[in-house]
Amino acid sequence: MVKIAVDMMGGDNAPGIVLEAVEKAINDFKDLEIILFGDEKQYTLNHERIEFRHCSEKIEMEDEPVRAIKRKKDSSMVRMAEAVKSGEADGCVSAGNTGALMSAGLFIVGRIKGVARPALVVTLPTIDGKGFVFLDVGANADAKPEHLLQYAQLGNIYAQKIRGIQQPKISLLNIGTEPAKGNALTKKTYQLLKDEATIRFNGNIEAKTLMEGDTDVVVTDGYTGNMVLKNIEGTAKSIGKMLKGTLLANLKNKLAAAILKKDISKFAKKLDYAEYGGSVLLGLDGTVVKAHGSSNARAFYSAIRQAKIAGDEQIVKIMRETVGSDNE
């Protein structure tokens, strides 16, 4: 049995989409228990495997992250993180304030011993539909080569256990594929990754080929990763708007759109973040999943499923025994 703590109040569309997702997850997974933290006035579910706990405070999207975590002790996010810290829950899920959740992860859940800096990881779509694991996308703006090596180790375990890839191909994001390309950080990191026997290093990869499906895990620093992530998200939204505008431009195009409706839906699904769940803060002594702030019920459900798989596969225990122990 896996137990997940859930922040009912975080996100643009909470608590409605959270309750809908929780209800679906608890019905789909018979070996799942959920501790739900939120306002009792808005709680509408009733299930033997859902334990509800009332919270008198809520962390807002505009709150200053560290201050909110320190001052709002009875908020749904803080209480949720404390459940993971105490070992009562295997992991937690929230669509709330990203900075506050990262602070709760660092200051309440805590890092795995030996992990220098946790990394924020996402799974992004590829042309072939497989997707790839991408980290760090914003947990740390600055990084040393040793940190990127550790990200590669964390990403390797994540791809194996969460995505079911036996021997993931690990790539380093760079401005060229040649080993000598890049700045001091990427050149030093390249050598560290090449010498690391526990991973399958696939060399450098350029940003323009990220979505071609040639690799399983891509490693970079948080500053670069966050910019690339936002560029991909923005480009996908822009393509969607341009496509919609073209298809609705005239009667002929509208008729064509009606005929191609199923194919267009398949195309949109490949670009939909909701299919992959949320971002995971790797390197913490518990699973912390950040669902997108504008998540719908399907996206939040995927985030819960992601946390459950992490619990099933004991991903934190494996990281504790491998990545953590290597750096003690």
Protein backbone atom coordinates (compact mmCIF):
# COMPACT_ATOMS: atom_id res chain seq x y z
CA MET A 1 0.00 0.00 0.00
CA VAL A 2 1.32 3.45 -0.99
CA LYS A 3 0.20 6.54 0.93
CA ILE A 4 0.28 9.95 -0.77
CA ALA A 5 -0.28 13.34 0.91
CA VAL A 6 -2.16 15.83 -1.29
CA ASP A 7 -2.49 19.62 -1.06
CA MET A 8 -6.16 20.24 -1.82
CA MET A 9 -5.84 24.03 -1.89
CA GLY A 10 -2.91 24.64 -4.27
CA GLY A 11 -3.35 25.66 -7.92
CA ASP A 12 -5.46 27.93 -10.09
CA ASN A 13 -8.39 25.51 -10.23
CA ALA A 14 -8.29 24.07 -6.71
CA PRO A 15 -10.00 22.49 -4.94
CA GLY A 16 -12.38 21.26 -7.66
CA ILE A 17 -9.87 19.57 -9.98
CA VAL A 18 -7.93 18.16 -7.01
CA LEU A 19 -11.01 16.46 -5.59
CA GLU A 20 -11.93 15.09 -9.02
CA ALA A 21 -8.42 13.71 -9.54
CA VAL A 22 -8.22 12.22 -6.05
CA GLU A 23 -11.56 10.47 -6.50
CA LYS A 24 -10.45 8.94 -9.80
CA ALA A 25 -7.05 7.89 -8.41
CA ILE A 26 -8.49 6.25 -5.30
CA ASN A 27 -10.96 4.29 -7.46
CA ASP A 28 -8.35 3.29 -10.06
CA PHE A 29 -5.62 2.19 -7.63
CA LYS A 30 -6.84 -0.23 -4.98
CA ASP A 31 -3.46 -0.15 -3.22
CA LEU A 32 -3.45 3.64 -2.77
CA GLU A 33 -4.25 5.65 0.34
CA ILE A 34 -4.48 9.45 0.33
CA ILE A 35 -4.17 12.01 3.12
CA LEU A 36 -5.92 15.15 1.88
CA PHE A 37 -5.08 18.52 3.45
CA GLY A 38 -7.42 21.48 2.98
CA ASP A 39 -10.49 23.43 4.05
CA GLU A 40 -13.18 21.16 5.51
CA LYS A 41 -15.90 23.44 4.13
CA GLN A 42 -14.86 22.50 0.59
CA TYR A 43 -14.26 18.79 1.13
CA THR A 44 -16.92 16.70 -0.61
CA LEU A 45 -15.50 13.17 -0.82
CA ASN A 46 -16.13 10.16 1.38
CA HIS A 47 -13.94 7.10 0.98
CA GLU A 48 -12.37 4.67 3.45
CA ARG A 49 -8.91 5.13 1.86
CA ILE A 50 -9.05 8.94 1.98
CA GLU A 51 -8.17 10.62 5.27
CA PHE A 52 -9.08 14.30 5.39
CA ARG A 53 -7.29 16.81 7.63
CA HIS A 54 -8.52 20.36 8.02
CA CYS A 55 -6.05 23.23 7.58
CA SER A 56 -6.81 26.79 8.64
CA GLU A 57 -4.33 28.43 6.24
CA LYS A 58 -3.50 28.42 2.54
CA ILE A 59 -0.33 29.44 0.72
CA GLU A 60 -1.25 31.74 -2.15
CA MET A 61 0.50 31.90 -5.53
CA GLU A 62 1.76 35.43 -4.80
CA ASP A 63 3.18 34.58 -1.34
CA GLU A 64 6.94 34.88 -0.81
CA PRO A 65 8.02 31.20 -0.70
CA VAL A 66 10.32 30.92 2.33
CA ARG A 67 8.30 33.35 4.44
CA ALA A 68 5.07 31.50 3.63
CA ILE A 69 6.54 28.15 4.67
CA LYS A 70 7.84 29.58 7.93
CA ARG A 71 4.74 31.59 8.87
CA LYS A 72 1.83 29.53 7.58
CA LYS A 73 2.45 26.44 9.68
CA ASP A 74 -1.16 25.23 9.40
CA SER A 75 -1.31 25.57 5.61
CA SER A 76 -2.20 22.57 3.47
CA MET A 77 1.22 22.62 1.77
CA VAL A 78 3.24 22.69 5.00
CA ARG A 79 1.12 20.01 6.67
CA MET A 80 1.42 17.84 3.54
CA ALA A 81 5.23 18.14 3.54
CA GLU A 82 5.37 17.33 7.25
CA ALA A 83 3.48 14.09 6.58
CA VAL A 84 6.28 13.06 4.20
CA LYS A 85 9.01 14.15 6.62
CA SER A 86 7.53 12.07 9.44
CA GLY A 87 7.30 9.00 7.22
CA GLU A 88 3.51 8.94 7.46
CA ALA A 89 3.25 9.47 3.68
CA ASP A 90 5.51 8.10 0.93
CA GLY A 91 5.20 11.25 -1.17
CA CYS A 92 3.18 14.39 -1.78
CA VAL A 93 1.54 16.28 -4.63
CA SER A 94 0.66 19.97 -4.98
CA ALA A 95 -0.25 22.37 -7.79
CA GLY A 96 0.47 25.37 -5.57
CA ASN A 97 3.20 28.01 -5.40
CA THR A 98 6.31 26.42 -7.00
CA GLY A 99 8.83 28.32 -4.89
CA ALA A 100 6.97 27.52 -1.69
CA LEU A 101 6.78 23.81 -2.58
CA MET A 102 10.51 23.74 -3.33
CA SER A 103 11.17 25.46 0.00
CA ALA A 104 8.91 22.97 1.79
CA GLY A 105 10.82 20.16 0.10
CA LEU A 106 14.22 21.52 1.12
CA PHE A 107 13.43 22.78 4.62
CA ILE A 108 10.77 20.29 5.75
CA VAL A 109 11.24 17.03 3.79
CA GLY A 110 15.01 17.54 3.56
CA ARG A 111 17.69 16.28 1.19
CA ILE A 112 19.01 12.76 0.91
CA LYS A 113 22.34 12.62 2.74
CA GLY A 114 25.10 13.07 0.17
CA VAL A 115 22.96 14.88 -2.41
CA ALA A 116 24.51 18.32 -2.91
CA ARG A 117 21.58 19.96 -4.69
CA PRO A 118 18.15 18.54 -5.54
CA ALA A 119 17.04 18.97 -9.15
CA LEU A 120 13.65 19.70 -10.63
CA VAL A 121 12.84 17.15 -13.34
CA VAL A 122 10.11 17.05 -15.99
CA THR A 123 9.24 14.64 -18.78
CA LEU A 124 8.85 16.41 -22.12
CA PRO A 125 7.26 15.13 -25.33
CA THR A 126 9.13 13.87 -28.39
CA ILE A 127 8.09 13.28 -31.99
CA ASP A 128 7.91 9.51 -31.48
CA GLY A 129 5.73 9.87 -28.39
CA LYS A 130 8.29 8.39 -25.95
CA GLY A 131 9.25 11.61 -24.23
CA PHE A 132 12.51 12.40 -22.42
CA VAL A 133 13.52 13.24 -18.86
CA PHE A 134 14.89 16.79 -18.51
CA LEU A 135 16.71 18.22 -15.48
CA ASP A 136 17.41 20.64 -13.84
CA VAL A 137 14.58 22.95 -14.92
CA GLY A 138 14.87 25.55 -12.20
CA ALA A 139 15.77 24.25 -8.75
CA ASN A 140 19.29 25.74 -8.95
CA ALA A 141 20.30 28.55 -11.30
CA ASP A 142 24.00 27.88 -10.79
CA ALA A 143 25.68 24.48 -10.90
CA LYS A 144 29.11 22.90 -10.79
CA PRO A 145 30.19 19.91 -12.93
CA GLU A 146 29.83 17.64 -9.89
CA HIS A 147 26.21 18.74 -9.52
CA LEU A 148 25.44 17.91 -13.16
CA LEU A 149 27.02 14.48 -12.69
CA GLN A 150 24.71 13.92 -9.75
CA TYR A 151 21.73 15.10 -11.82
CA ALA A 152 22.67 12.47 -14.40
CA GLN A 153 22.70 9.79 -11.70
CA LEU A 154 19.34 10.93 -10.33
CA GLY A 155 17.85 11.16 -13.83
CA ASN A 156 19.15 7.70 -14.65
CA ILE A 157 17.32 6.16 -11.69
CA TYR A 158 14.19 8.19 -12.43
CA ALA A 159 14.10 7.04 -16.07
CA GLN A 160 14.58 3.42 -15.01
CA LYS A 161 12.00 3.32 -12.27
CA ILE A 162 9.36 5.83 -13.36
CA ARG A 163 9.60 5.51 -17.14
CA GLY A 164 10.61 1.83 -17.30
CA ILE A 165 13.74 2.30 -19.44
CA GLN A 166 16.28 -0.39 -18.60
CA GLN A 167 19.44 1.41 -19.74
CA PRO A 168 18.61 5.08 -20.29
CA LYS A 169 20.75 7.11 -22.68
CA ILE A 170 22.06 10.19 -20.86
CA SER A 171 22.89 13.36 -22.81
CA LEU A 172 24.40 16.71 -21.86
CA LEU A 173 22.72 19.83 -23.27
CA ASN A 174 25.32 21.87 -25.16
CA ILE A 175 25.78 24.26 -28.09
CA GLY A 176 27.26 21.49 -30.23
CA THR A 177 27.68 17.73 -30.24
CA GLU A 178 31.49 17.74 -30.27
CA PRO A 179 33.20 16.97 -26.91
CA ALA A 180 35.27 20.16 -27.06
CA LYS A 181 32.22 22.45 -27.50
CA GLY A 182 30.70 24.62 -24.79
CA ASN A 183 31.90 26.55 -21.76
CA ALA A 184 34.01 25.48 -18.79
CA LEU A 185 30.98 23.91 -17.08
CA THR A 186 29.95 21.67 -19.98
CA LYS A 187 33.51 20.68 -20.91
CA LYS A 188 34.29 19.52 -17.38
CA THR A 189 30.88 17.87 -17.03
CA TYR A 190 31.36 16.02 -20.32
CA GLN A 191 34.50 14.36 -18.97
CA LEU A 192 32.85 13.45 -15.66
CA LEU A 193 29.88 11.86 -17.43
CA LYS A 194 32.15 10.01 -19.85
CA ASP A 195 34.13 8.54 -16.94
CA GLU A 196 31.06 7.56 -14.88
CA ALA A 197 30.61 3.79 -15.18
CA THR A 198 27.11 3.64 -13.65
CA ILE A 199 25.43 5.55 -16.49
CA ARG A 200 25.15 5.20 -20.27
CA PHE A 201 26.50 8.53 -21.49
CA ASN A 202 25.36 9.41 -25.00
CA GLY A 203 27.39 12.61 -25.45
CA ASN A 204 26.27 16.18 -26.08
CA ILE A 205 22.88 17.11 -27.50
CA GLU A 206 21.77 20.42 -29.03
CA ALA A 207 18.52 22.17 -28.11
CA LYS A 208 17.24 21.90 -31.68
CA THR A 209 17.17 18.06 -31.52
CA LEU A 210 15.70 17.62 -28.04
CA MET A 211 12.28 16.52 -29.32
CA GLU A 212 13.58 14.05 -31.91
CA GLY A 213 13.67 11.18 -29.42
CA ASP A 214 17.38 10.38 -29.68
CA THR A 215 17.97 10.25 -25.93
CA ASP A 216 16.19 9.40 -22.67
CA VAL A 217 17.66 11.86 -20.15
CA VAL A 218 19.01 15.36 -20.78
CA VAL A 219 21.09 17.13 -18.12
CA THR A 220 21.75 20.86 -17.77
CA ASP A 221 21.96 23.60 -15.14
CA GLY A 222 18.74 25.07 -13.75
CA TYR A 223 19.15 28.47 -15.42
CA THR A 224 19.49 26.99 -18.91
CA GLY A 225 16.94 24.27 -18.26
CA ASN A 226 14.24 26.69 -17.13
CA MET A 227 14.69 28.87 -20.21
CA VAL A 228 14.57 25.87 -22.55
CA LEU A 229 11.47 24.49 -20.79
CA LYS A 230 9.60 27.79 -21.05
CA ASN A 231 10.64 28.15 -24.70
CA ILE A 232 9.27 24.68 -25.50
CA GLU A 233 6.02 25.37 -23.63
CA GLY A 234 5.62 28.74 -25.33
CA THR A 235 6.37 27.34 -28.77
CA ALA A 236 3.84 24.53 -28.30
CA LYS A 237 1.13 27.02 -27.29
CA SER A 238 1.97 29.29 -30.23
CA ILE A 239 1.79 26.39 -32.69
CA GLY A 240 -1.60 25.46 -31.24
CA LYS A 241 -2.90 29.00 -31.67
CA MET A 242 -1.56 29.27 -35.24
CA LEU A 243 -3.03 25.88 -36.15
CA LYS A 244 -6.40 26.81 -34.68
CA GLY A 245 -6.38 30.14 -36.50
CA THR A 246 -5.60 28.45 -39.82
CA LEU A 247 -8.27 25.78 -39.39
CA LEU A 248 -10.95 28.33 -38.56
CA ALA A 249 -9.92 30.83 -41.26
CA ASN A 250 -12.61 29.85 -43.79
CA LEU A 251 -15.28 27.26 -44.56
CA LYS A 252 -12.93 25.05 -46.58
CA ASN A 253 -10.46 24.81 -43.69
CA LYS A 254 -13.27 24.18 -41.20
CA LEU A 255 -14.45 21.21 -43.28
CA ALA A 256 -10.89 19.90 -43.45
CA ALA A 257 -10.57 20.30 -39.67
CA ALA A 258 -13.74 18.27 -39.14
CA ILE A 259 -12.31 15.44 -41.25
CA LEU A 260 -8.93 15.56 -39.47
CA LYS A 261 -10.36 15.96 -35.97
CA LYS A 262 -9.03 12.63 -34.64
CA ASP A 263 -5.58 13.19 -36.13
CA ILE A 264 -5.41 16.70 -34.70
CA SER A 265 -6.37 15.32 -31.27
CA LYS A 266 -3.53 12.78 -31.47
CA PHE A 267 -1.11 15.57 -32.39
CA ALA A 268 -2.28 17.74 -29.48
CA LYS A 269 -1.97 14.80 -27.08
CA LYS A 270 1.71 14.39 -27.96
CA LEU A 271 2.34 17.99 -26.86
CA ASP A 272 0.17 17.86 -23.73
CA TYR A 273 2.05 18.11 -20.43
CA ALA A 274 -0.97 16.52 -18.70
CA GLU A 275 0.03 13.13 -20.13
CA TYR A 276 3.28 13.15 -18.12
CA GLY A 277 2.09 14.40 -14.75
CA GLY A 278 4.12 17.02 -12.93
CA SER A 279 7.66 18.05 -12.08
CA VAL A 280 9.50 16.05 -9.45
CA LEU A 281 12.08 17.47 -7.04
CA LEU A 282 14.70 14.72 -7.11
CA GLY A 283 17.25 14.27 -4.35
CA LEU A 284 14.86 14.82 -1.45
CA ASP A 285 14.25 12.25 1.28
CA GLY A 286 10.70 11.75 0.04
CA THR A 287 8.80 12.12 -3.24
CA VAL A 288 7.65 15.70 -3.95
CA VAL A 289 5.62 16.19 -7.15
CA LYS A 290 4.73 19.67 -8.44
CA ALA A 291 1.67 19.66 -10.69
CA HIS A 292 1.29 22.58 -13.10
CA GLY A 293 -0.47 25.56 -11.52
CA SER A 294 -3.12 25.53 -14.24
CA SER A 295 -3.58 21.76 -14.12
CA ASN A 296 -6.92 20.24 -15.03
CA ALA A 297 -8.16 17.12 -13.25
CA ARG A 298 -6.42 14.80 -15.74
CA ALA A 299 -3.06 16.49 -15.22
CA PHE A 300 -3.39 16.35 -11.42
CA TYR A 301 -4.42 12.70 -11.64
CA SER A 302 -1.24 12.03 -13.66
CA ALA A 303 0.80 13.74 -10.95
CA ILE A 304 -0.78 11.50 -8.26
CA ARG A 305 -0.06 8.46 -10.43
CA GLN A 306 3.53 9.64 -10.80
CA ALA A 307 3.93 9.87 -7.01
CA LYS A 308 2.36 6.44 -6.58
CA ILE A 309 4.75 4.82 -9.06
CA ALA A 310 7.66 6.44 -7.22
CA GLY A 311 6.36 4.85 -4.01
CA ASP A 312 5.80 1.47 -5.64
CA GLU A 313 9.31 1.47 -7.09
CA GLN A 314 10.86 2.80 -3.86
CA ILE A 315 12.74 5.40 -5.90
CA VAL A 316 13.79 7.46 -2.86
CA LYS A 317 15.24 4.39 -1.15
CA ILE A 318 17.23 3.52 -4.28
CA MET A 319 18.56 7.08 -4.58
CA ARG A 320 19.44 7.04 -0.90
CA GLU A 321 21.42 3.82 -1.35
CA THR A 322 23.16 4.79 -4.60
CA VAL A 323 23.53 8.51 -5.30
CA GLY A 324 23.53 9.45 -1.62
CA SER A 325 25.98 6.77 -0.49
CA ASP A 326 28.39 7.63 -3.32
CA ASN A 327 28.83 11.12 -1.96
CA GLU A 328 29.06 10.61 1.79
